[in-house]
Amino acid sequence: MERLQKILSAAGIASRRKAEALMLQGRVTVNGRVVRELGTKADPARDYVKVDGRRIGGFPEKVYLLLNKPKGVISSVVDPRRRPVVTDLVRGRGRVYPVGRLDYNTEGLILLTNDGDFARALQRPGDSTPKAYHVKVKGSVDEAGLERLRAGMRVPDGTRFAPARVRPLRAGHNGWYEVTLTEGKNREVRRMFEAVGHPVLKLRRVGIGFLTDRGLAVGAHRRLEPREVERLMKGK
């Protein structure tokens, strides 16, 4: 038994808030009876739930995908400018949407799902799931710059970033670094390196918690195992 709001949301009819409005308007029936009580529950597999006289299906199969997003793809389901979006890369997997986002010019791991509870668990305030990035920057960051990144820092616009784990990967005229963050502020990696005088040239996310891009080519995706979904939900 599930709340009607959740049934309507899972069936793609409306968000939970809009589903409540539909119920209050008398547009939802269960087994022929108009239901306005917001706490009402039903069994989507056995009860006849209708909106405006049309029966809705039950819960769709829950889908959890790990995608290695290429550069030049939007972390969204639609784009007004008609640029490629992440859901273009997982066609045939049902109606899913991204959990969080990666910048248009950033490649790497992103999760997609049709499970709202899963998405909310991974985006709840205070979530500290570590995310690892490989970063190529202009020039080579000196030890003082690395210490600023590791200690946490305030960038020129006043935003405060938490301490990050940073280690050099490959030296050269333009160095590569691995950065692990436990918060997810907008363009965080790029803004941090800009603040120490080394703009980012290439950026890719290589890890989300215990998940890595190992064996997953750019543009490819795979289903998460049930045990992986459970670990992510528990924040382990």
C-alpha atoms as a PDB file:
ATOM      1  CA  MET A   1       0.000   0.000   0.000  1.00  0.00           C
ATOM      2  CA  GLU A   2       1.299   3.415  -0.959  1.00  0.00           C
ATOM      3  CA  ARG A   3       0.019   6.957  -0.581  1.00  0.00           C
ATOM      4  CA  LEU A   4      -1.885   8.134  -3.634  1.00  0.00           C
ATOM      5  CA  GLN A   5       0.491  11.077  -4.057  1.00  0.00           C
ATOM      6  CA  LYS A   6       3.388   8.657  -4.439  1.00  0.00           C
ATOM      7  CA  ILE A   7       1.459   6.434  -6.846  1.00  0.00           C
ATOM      8  CA  LEU A   8       0.598   9.372  -9.091  1.00  0.00           C
ATOM      9  CA  SER A   9       4.143  10.692  -8.973  1.00  0.00           C
ATOM     10  CA  ALA A  10       5.704   7.297  -9.735  1.00  0.00           C
ATOM     11  CA  ALA A  11       3.327   6.849 -12.677  1.00  0.00           C
ATOM     12  CA  GLY A  12       4.533  10.142 -14.150  1.00  0.00           C
ATOM     13  CA  ILE A  13       1.166  11.874 -13.756  1.00  0.00           C
ATOM     14  CA  ALA A  14       2.354  14.767 -11.587  1.00  0.00           C
ATOM     15  CA  SER A  15       4.737  15.711  -8.809  1.00  0.00           C
ATOM     16  CA  ARG A  16       3.589  14.798  -5.328  1.00  0.00           C
ATOM     17  CA  ARG A  17       2.554  18.381  -4.620  1.00  0.00           C
ATOM     18  CA  LYS A  18       0.557  18.602  -7.860  1.00  0.00           C
ATOM     19  CA  ALA A  19      -0.934  15.174  -7.157  1.00  0.00           C
ATOM     20  CA  GLU A  20      -2.284  16.543  -3.886  1.00  0.00           C
ATOM     21  CA  ALA A  21      -3.931  19.377  -5.816  1.00  0.00           C
ATOM     22  CA  LEU A  22      -5.551  16.854  -8.183  1.00  0.00           C
ATOM     23  CA  MET A  23      -6.934  14.975  -5.206  1.00  0.00           C
ATOM     24  CA  LEU A  24      -8.302  18.099  -3.523  1.00  0.00           C
ATOM     25  CA  GLN A  25      -9.987  19.015  -6.814  1.00  0.00           C
ATOM     26  CA  GLY A  26     -11.849  15.681  -6.795  1.00  0.00           C
ATOM     27  CA  ARG A  27     -10.146  14.429  -9.949  1.00  0.00           C
ATOM     28  CA  VAL A  28      -8.761  11.213  -8.436  1.00  0.00           C
ATOM     29  CA  THR A  29     -10.806   8.077  -7.793  1.00  0.00           C
ATOM     30  CA  VAL A  30      -9.946   4.715  -6.238  1.00  0.00           C
ATOM     31  CA  ASN A  31     -12.235   1.840  -7.239  1.00  0.00           C
ATOM     32  CA  GLY A  32     -14.821   4.358  -8.433  1.00  0.00           C
ATOM     33  CA  ARG A  33     -14.813   6.495  -5.274  1.00  0.00           C
ATOM     34  CA  VAL A  34     -13.583  10.091  -5.321  1.00  0.00           C
ATOM     35  CA  VAL A  35     -10.717  10.491  -2.868  1.00  0.00           C
ATOM     36  CA  ARG A  36      -9.844  13.879  -1.391  1.00  0.00           C
ATOM     37  CA  GLU A  37      -8.130  12.729   1.814  1.00  0.00           C
ATOM     38  CA  LEU A  38      -4.399  13.307   1.324  1.00  0.00           C
ATOM     39  CA  GLY A  39      -3.342  10.414   3.559  1.00  0.00           C
ATOM     40  CA  THR A  40      -5.258   7.837   1.544  1.00  0.00           C
ATOM     41  CA  LYS A  41      -3.342   4.730   0.490  1.00  0.00           C
ATOM     42  CA  ALA A  42      -3.951   2.268  -2.326  1.00  0.00           C
ATOM     43  CA  ASP A  43      -2.359  -0.781  -3.919  1.00  0.00           C
ATOM     44  CA  PRO A  44      -1.349   0.202  -7.479  1.00  0.00           C
ATOM     45  CA  ALA A  45      -1.282  -3.451  -8.550  1.00  0.00           C
ATOM     46  CA  ARG A  46      -4.819  -4.270  -7.346  1.00  0.00           C
ATOM     47  CA  ASP A  47      -6.815  -1.046  -7.016  1.00  0.00           C
ATOM     48  CA  TYR A  48      -8.300   0.924  -9.909  1.00  0.00           C
ATOM     49  CA  VAL A  49      -6.730   4.369  -9.562  1.00  0.00           C
ATOM     50  CA  LYS A  50      -8.014   6.905 -12.067  1.00  0.00           C
ATOM     51  CA  VAL A  51      -7.317  10.565 -12.832  1.00  0.00           C
ATOM     52  CA  ASP A  52     -10.021  12.395 -14.768  1.00  0.00           C
ATOM     53  CA  GLY A  53     -11.613   9.029 -15.512  1.00  0.00           C
ATOM     54  CA  ARG A  54      -8.502   7.414 -16.973  1.00  0.00           C
ATOM     55  CA  ARG A  55      -6.849   4.524 -15.160  1.00  0.00           C
ATOM     56  CA  ILE A  56      -3.157   4.870 -14.438  1.00  0.00           C
ATOM     57  CA  GLY A  57      -0.653   2.045 -14.422  1.00  0.00           C
ATOM     58  CA  GLY A  58       1.162   0.791 -11.380  1.00  0.00           C
ATOM     59  CA  PHE A  59       4.698   1.597 -10.380  1.00  0.00           C
ATOM     60  CA  PRO A  60       7.183   1.291 -13.243  1.00  0.00           C
ATOM     61  CA  GLU A  61      10.257  -0.818 -12.654  1.00  0.00           C
ATOM     62  CA  LYS A  62      12.793   1.209 -10.711  1.00  0.00           C
ATOM     63  CA  VAL A  63      15.872   1.996 -12.752  1.00  0.00           C
ATOM     64  CA  TYR A  64      19.298   3.022 -11.469  1.00  0.00           C
ATOM     65  CA  LEU A  65      21.990   3.847 -14.025  1.00  0.00           C
ATOM     66  CA  LEU A  66      25.618   4.944 -13.880  1.00  0.00           C
ATOM     67  CA  LEU A  67      26.599   6.952 -16.964  1.00  0.00           C
ATOM     68  CA  ASN A  68      30.046   8.133 -18.023  1.00  0.00           C
ATOM     69  CA  LYS A  69      28.935  11.460 -19.499  1.00  0.00           C
ATOM     70  CA  PRO A  70      30.927  12.869 -22.423  1.00  0.00           C
ATOM     71  CA  LYS A  71      31.934  16.512 -22.641  1.00  0.00           C
ATOM     72  CA  GLY A  72      29.357  18.570 -24.548  1.00  0.00           C
ATOM     73  CA  VAL A  73      26.256  16.925 -23.071  1.00  0.00           C
ATOM     74  CA  ILE A  74      23.752  18.657 -20.749  1.00  0.00           C
ATOM     75  CA  SER A  75      22.862  17.068 -17.397  1.00  0.00           C
ATOM     76  CA  SER A  76      19.140  17.432 -17.996  1.00  0.00           C
ATOM     77  CA  VAL A  77      16.216  15.737 -19.726  1.00  0.00           C
ATOM     78  CA  VAL A  78      15.573  18.640 -22.114  1.00  0.00           C
ATOM     79  CA  ASP A  79      17.531  21.631 -23.368  1.00  0.00           C
ATOM     80  CA  PRO A  80      15.896  24.731 -24.917  1.00  0.00           C
ATOM     81  CA  ARG A  81      18.938  25.115 -27.182  1.00  0.00           C
ATOM     82  CA  ARG A  82      18.524  21.515 -28.368  1.00  0.00           C
ATOM     83  CA  ARG A  83      21.971  20.418 -27.273  1.00  0.00           C
ATOM     84  CA  PRO A  84      22.472  16.719 -26.448  1.00  0.00           C
ATOM     85  CA  VAL A  85      21.195  15.707 -23.001  1.00  0.00           C
ATOM     86  CA  VAL A  86      22.175  12.781 -20.793  1.00  0.00           C
ATOM     87  CA  THR A  87      18.899  10.949 -21.372  1.00  0.00           C
ATOM     88  CA  ASP A  88      19.757  10.748 -25.086  1.00  0.00           C
ATOM     89  CA  LEU A  89      22.540   8.345 -24.070  1.00  0.00           C
ATOM     90  CA  VAL A  90      20.289   5.937 -22.145  1.00  0.00           C
ATOM     91  CA  ARG A  91      17.353   5.569 -24.517  1.00  0.00           C
ATOM     92  CA  GLY A  92      15.455   2.364 -24.016  1.00  0.00           C
ATOM     93  CA  ARG A  93      15.944   2.488 -20.238  1.00  0.00           C
ATOM     94  CA  GLY A  94      12.604   4.150 -19.549  1.00  0.00           C
ATOM     95  CA  ARG A  95      11.815   7.590 -18.208  1.00  0.00           C
ATOM     96  CA  VAL A  96      14.778   8.575 -16.035  1.00  0.00           C
ATOM     97  CA  TYR A  97      16.393  11.823 -14.936  1.00  0.00           C
ATOM     98  CA  PRO A  98      19.841  12.782 -13.622  1.00  0.00           C
ATOM     99  CA  VAL A  99      20.711  12.923  -9.937  1.00  0.00           C
ATOM    100  CA  GLY A 100      22.671  16.147  -9.558  1.00  0.00           C
ATOM    101  CA  ARG A 101      24.576  17.544 -12.493  1.00  0.00           C
ATOM    102  CA  LEU A 102      27.875  17.882 -14.287  1.00  0.00           C
ATOM    103  CA  ASP A 103      28.844  20.974 -16.252  1.00  0.00           C
ATOM    104  CA  TYR A 104      28.437  20.927 -20.026  1.00  0.00           C
ATOM    105  CA  ASN A 105      32.232  20.879 -20.449  1.00  0.00           C
ATOM    106  CA  THR A 106      32.850  18.268 -17.735  1.00  0.00           C
ATOM    107  CA  GLU A 107      32.841  14.564 -18.452  1.00  0.00           C
ATOM    108  CA  GLY A 108      32.476  11.672 -16.075  1.00  0.00           C
ATOM    109  CA  LEU A 109      30.140   9.803 -13.791  1.00  0.00           C
ATOM    110  CA  ILE A 110      26.535  10.789 -13.187  1.00  0.00           C
ATOM    111  CA  LEU A 111      23.612   8.775 -11.839  1.00  0.00           C
ATOM    112  CA  LEU A 112      20.183   8.582 -13.474  1.00  0.00           C
ATOM    113  CA  THR A 113      17.019   7.107 -12.000  1.00  0.00           C
ATOM    114  CA  ASN A 114      13.229   7.155 -11.916  1.00  0.00           C
ATOM    115  CA  ASP A 115      13.191   6.655  -8.134  1.00  0.00           C
ATOM    116  CA  GLY A 116      12.480   9.929  -6.351  1.00  0.00           C
ATOM    117  CA  ASP A 117      13.367   8.532  -2.924  1.00  0.00           C
ATOM    118  CA  PHE A 118      16.790   7.448  -4.203  1.00  0.00           C
ATOM    119  CA  ALA A 119      17.432  10.853  -5.791  1.00  0.00           C
ATOM    120  CA  ARG A 120      16.410  12.717  -2.623  1.00  0.00           C
ATOM    121  CA  ALA A 121      18.625  10.504  -0.452  1.00  0.00           C
ATOM    122  CA  LEU A 122      21.667  11.366  -2.581  1.00  0.00           C
ATOM    123  CA  GLN A 123      20.878  15.088  -2.628  1.00  0.00           C
ATOM    124  CA  ARG A 124      19.783  15.596   0.964  1.00  0.00           C
ATOM    125  CA  PRO A 125      21.326  18.551   2.834  1.00  0.00           C
ATOM    126  CA  GLY A 126      24.583  17.579   4.449  1.00  0.00           C
ATOM    127  CA  ASP A 127      25.170  14.616   2.140  1.00  0.00           C
ATOM    128  CA  SER A 128      28.896  13.906   2.256  1.00  0.00           C
ATOM    129  CA  THR A 129      29.252  11.223  -0.418  1.00  0.00           C
ATOM    130  CA  PRO A 130      32.791  11.799  -1.731  1.00  0.00           C
ATOM    131  CA  LYS A 131      33.171  12.597  -5.406  1.00  0.00           C
ATOM    132  CA  ALA A 132      36.563  12.199  -7.079  1.00  0.00           C
ATOM    133  CA  TYR A 133      37.782  14.174 -10.084  1.00  0.00           C
ATOM    134  CA  HIS A 134      40.802  14.144 -12.358  1.00  0.00           C
ATOM    135  CA  VAL A 135      41.766  17.704 -13.252  1.00  0.00           C
ATOM    136  CA  LYS A 136      44.187  19.106 -15.804  1.00  0.00           C
ATOM    137  CA  VAL A 137      45.122  22.714 -15.079  1.00  0.00           C
ATOM    138  CA  LYS A 138      47.120  25.429 -16.722  1.00  0.00           C
ATOM    139  CA  GLY A 139      50.610  25.354 -15.271  1.00  0.00           C
ATOM    140  CA  SER A 140      51.648  23.516 -12.126  1.00  0.00           C
ATOM    141  CA  VAL A 141      50.231  24.241  -8.676  1.00  0.00           C
ATOM    142  CA  ASP A 142      52.920  24.933  -6.093  1.00  0.00           C
ATOM    143  CA  GLU A 143      52.853  23.508  -2.582  1.00  0.00           C
ATOM    144  CA  ALA A 144      51.326  26.686  -1.134  1.00  0.00           C
ATOM    145  CA  GLY A 145      48.454  26.448  -3.618  1.00  0.00           C
ATOM    146  CA  LEU A 146      47.898  22.782  -2.830  1.00  0.00           C
ATOM    147  CA  GLU A 147      47.756  23.560   0.876  1.00  0.00           C
ATOM    148  CA  ARG A 148      45.099  26.224   0.257  1.00  0.00           C
ATOM    149  CA  LEU A 149      42.989  23.684  -1.610  1.00  0.00           C
ATOM    150  CA  ARG A 150      43.465  21.068   1.114  1.00  0.00           C
ATOM    151  CA  ALA A 151      42.707  23.435   3.956  1.00  0.00           C
ATOM    152  CA  GLY A 152      39.469  24.830   2.545  1.00  0.00           C
ATOM    153  CA  MET A 153      39.236  28.272   1.061  1.00  0.00           C
ATOM    154  CA  ARG A 154      37.129  31.312   0.305  1.00  0.00           C
ATOM    155  CA  VAL A 155      37.015  32.356  -3.367  1.00  0.00           C
ATOM    156  CA  PRO A 156      36.760  36.007  -4.532  1.00  0.00           C
ATOM    157  CA  ASP A 157      32.952  36.023  -4.713  1.00  0.00           C
ATOM    158  CA  GLY A 158      32.821  35.120  -1.008  1.00  0.00           C
ATOM    159  CA  THR A 159      31.864  31.455  -1.372  1.00  0.00           C
ATOM    160  CA  ARG A 160      33.514  29.186   1.169  1.00  0.00           C
ATOM    161  CA  PHE A 161      34.655  25.740   0.022  1.00  0.00           C
ATOM    162  CA  ALA A 162      35.318  22.875   2.426  1.00  0.00           C
ATOM    163  CA  PRO A 163      38.713  21.178   2.619  1.00  0.00           C
ATOM    164  CA  ALA A 164      39.465  18.849  -0.298  1.00  0.00           C
ATOM    165  CA  ARG A 165      41.780  15.906  -0.728  1.00  0.00           C
ATOM    166  CA  VAL A 166      44.246  16.807  -3.480  1.00  0.00           C
ATOM    167  CA  ARG A 167      47.160  14.815  -4.820  1.00  0.00           C
ATOM    168  CA  PRO A 168      49.309  15.289  -7.929  1.00  0.00           C
ATOM    169  CA  LEU A 169      48.790  12.682 -10.643  1.00  0.00           C
ATOM    170  CA  ARG A 170      51.143  13.715 -13.404  1.00  0.00           C
ATOM    171  CA  ALA A 171      53.670  16.518 -13.583  1.00  0.00           C
ATOM    172  CA  GLY A 172      54.329  18.532 -16.708  1.00  0.00           C
ATOM    173  CA  HIS A 173      53.863  21.931 -18.281  1.00  0.00           C
ATOM    174  CA  ASN A 174      50.150  21.533 -17.431  1.00  0.00           C
ATOM    175  CA  GLY A 175      49.693  19.283 -14.409  1.00  0.00           C
ATOM    176  CA  TRP A 176      47.067  16.663 -13.587  1.00  0.00           C
ATOM    177  CA  TYR A 177      45.585  16.327 -10.080  1.00  0.00           C
ATOM    178  CA  GLU A 178      43.098  14.109  -8.313  1.00  0.00           C
ATOM    179  CA  VAL A 179      40.605  16.041  -6.191  1.00  0.00           C
ATOM    180  CA  THR A 180      38.059  14.484  -3.834  1.00  0.00           C
ATOM    181  CA  LEU A 181      35.194  16.626  -2.534  1.00  0.00           C
ATOM    182  CA  THR A 182      32.506  15.969   0.046  1.00  0.00           C
ATOM    183  CA  GLU A 183      30.227  18.843  -0.950  1.00  0.00           C
ATOM    184  CA  GLY A 184      28.775  19.769  -4.302  1.00  0.00           C
ATOM    185  CA  LYS A 185      28.719  23.502  -4.851  1.00  0.00           C
ATOM    186  CA  ASN A 186      28.327  24.918  -8.344  1.00  0.00           C
ATOM    187  CA  ARG A 187      31.510  24.632 -10.465  1.00  0.00           C
ATOM    188  CA  GLU A 188      33.447  23.953  -7.283  1.00  0.00           C
ATOM    189  CA  VAL A 189      36.593  22.386  -8.751  1.00  0.00           C
ATOM    190  CA  ARG A 190      36.926  25.014 -11.453  1.00  0.00           C
ATOM    191  CA  ARG A 191      36.459  27.903  -9.032  1.00  0.00           C
ATOM    192  CA  MET A 192      38.941  26.488  -6.527  1.00  0.00           C
ATOM    193  CA  PHE A 193      41.753  26.130  -9.059  1.00  0.00           C
ATOM    194  CA  GLU A 194      40.984  29.528 -10.589  1.00  0.00           C
ATOM    195  CA  ALA A 195      41.383  31.010  -7.104  1.00  0.00           C
ATOM    196  CA  VAL A 196      44.944  29.642  -6.842  1.00  0.00           C
ATOM    197  CA  GLY A 197      45.814  30.918 -10.319  1.00  0.00           C
ATOM    198  CA  HIS A 198      45.522  27.725 -12.370  1.00  0.00           C
ATOM    199  CA  PRO A 199      42.419  27.572 -14.592  1.00  0.00           C
ATOM    200  CA  VAL A 200      41.049  24.123 -15.366  1.00  0.00           C
ATOM    201  CA  LEU A 201      41.724  22.824 -18.879  1.00  0.00           C
ATOM    202  CA  LYS A 202      40.080  19.393 -18.552  1.00  0.00           C
ATOM    203  CA  LEU A 203      37.819  17.946 -15.872  1.00  0.00           C
ATOM    204  CA  ARG A 204      36.277  14.546 -15.406  1.00  0.00           C
ATOM    205  CA  ARG A 205      34.496  12.901 -12.484  1.00  0.00           C
ATOM    206  CA  VAL A 206      35.961   9.452 -11.893  1.00  0.00           C
ATOM    207  CA  GLY A 207      34.216   8.425  -8.672  1.00  0.00           C
ATOM    208  CA  ILE A 208      30.963   8.768  -6.734  1.00  0.00           C
ATOM    209  CA  GLY A 209      31.457   7.210  -3.329  1.00  0.00           C
ATOM    210  CA  PHE A 210      32.562   3.624  -3.944  1.00  0.00           C
ATOM    211  CA  LEU A 211      31.541   3.763  -7.638  1.00  0.00           C
ATOM    212  CA  THR A 212      34.311   4.355 -10.180  1.00  0.00           C
ATOM    213  CA  ASP A 213      34.591   4.738 -13.940  1.00  0.00           C
ATOM    214  CA  ARG A 214      36.743   1.617 -14.194  1.00  0.00           C
ATOM    215  CA  GLY A 215      35.648  -0.383 -17.242  1.00  0.00           C
ATOM    216  CA  LEU A 216      33.010   2.172 -18.253  1.00  0.00           C
ATOM    217  CA  ALA A 217      33.916   3.960 -21.478  1.00  0.00           C
ATOM    218  CA  VAL A 218      32.969   7.596 -22.053  1.00  0.00           C
ATOM    219  CA  GLY A 219      29.389   7.630 -23.335  1.00  0.00           C
ATOM    220  CA  ALA A 220      28.608   4.184 -21.909  1.00  0.00           C
ATOM    221  CA  HIS A 221      26.353   3.314 -18.999  1.00  0.00           C
ATOM    222  CA  ARG A 222      25.432   0.338 -16.811  1.00  0.00           C
ATOM    223  CA  ARG A 223      22.736  -0.621 -14.347  1.00  0.00           C
ATOM    224  CA  LEU A 224      23.580  -0.451 -10.675  1.00  0.00           C
ATOM    225  CA  GLU A 225      23.450  -3.686  -8.717  1.00  0.00           C
ATOM    226  CA  PRO A 226      20.846  -3.842  -5.910  1.00  0.00           C
ATOM    227  CA  ARG A 227      23.640  -3.928  -3.315  1.00  0.00           C
ATOM    228  CA  GLU A 228      25.109  -0.748  -4.841  1.00  0.00           C
ATOM    229  CA  VAL A 229      21.751   1.032  -4.638  1.00  0.00           C
ATOM    230  CA  GLU A 230      21.385  -0.025  -0.999  1.00  0.00           C
ATOM    231  CA  ARG A 231      24.876   1.241  -0.121  1.00  0.00           C
ATOM    232  CA  LEU A 232      24.235   4.593  -1.761  1.00  0.00           C
ATOM    233  CA  MET A 233      20.893   4.981   0.019  1.00  0.00           C
ATOM    234  CA  LYS A 234      22.607   4.318   3.341  1.00  0.00           C
ATOM    235  CA  GLY A 235      25.448   6.694   2.529  1.00  0.00           C
ATOM    236  CA  LYS A 236      28.136   4.017   2.843  1.00  0.00           C
END
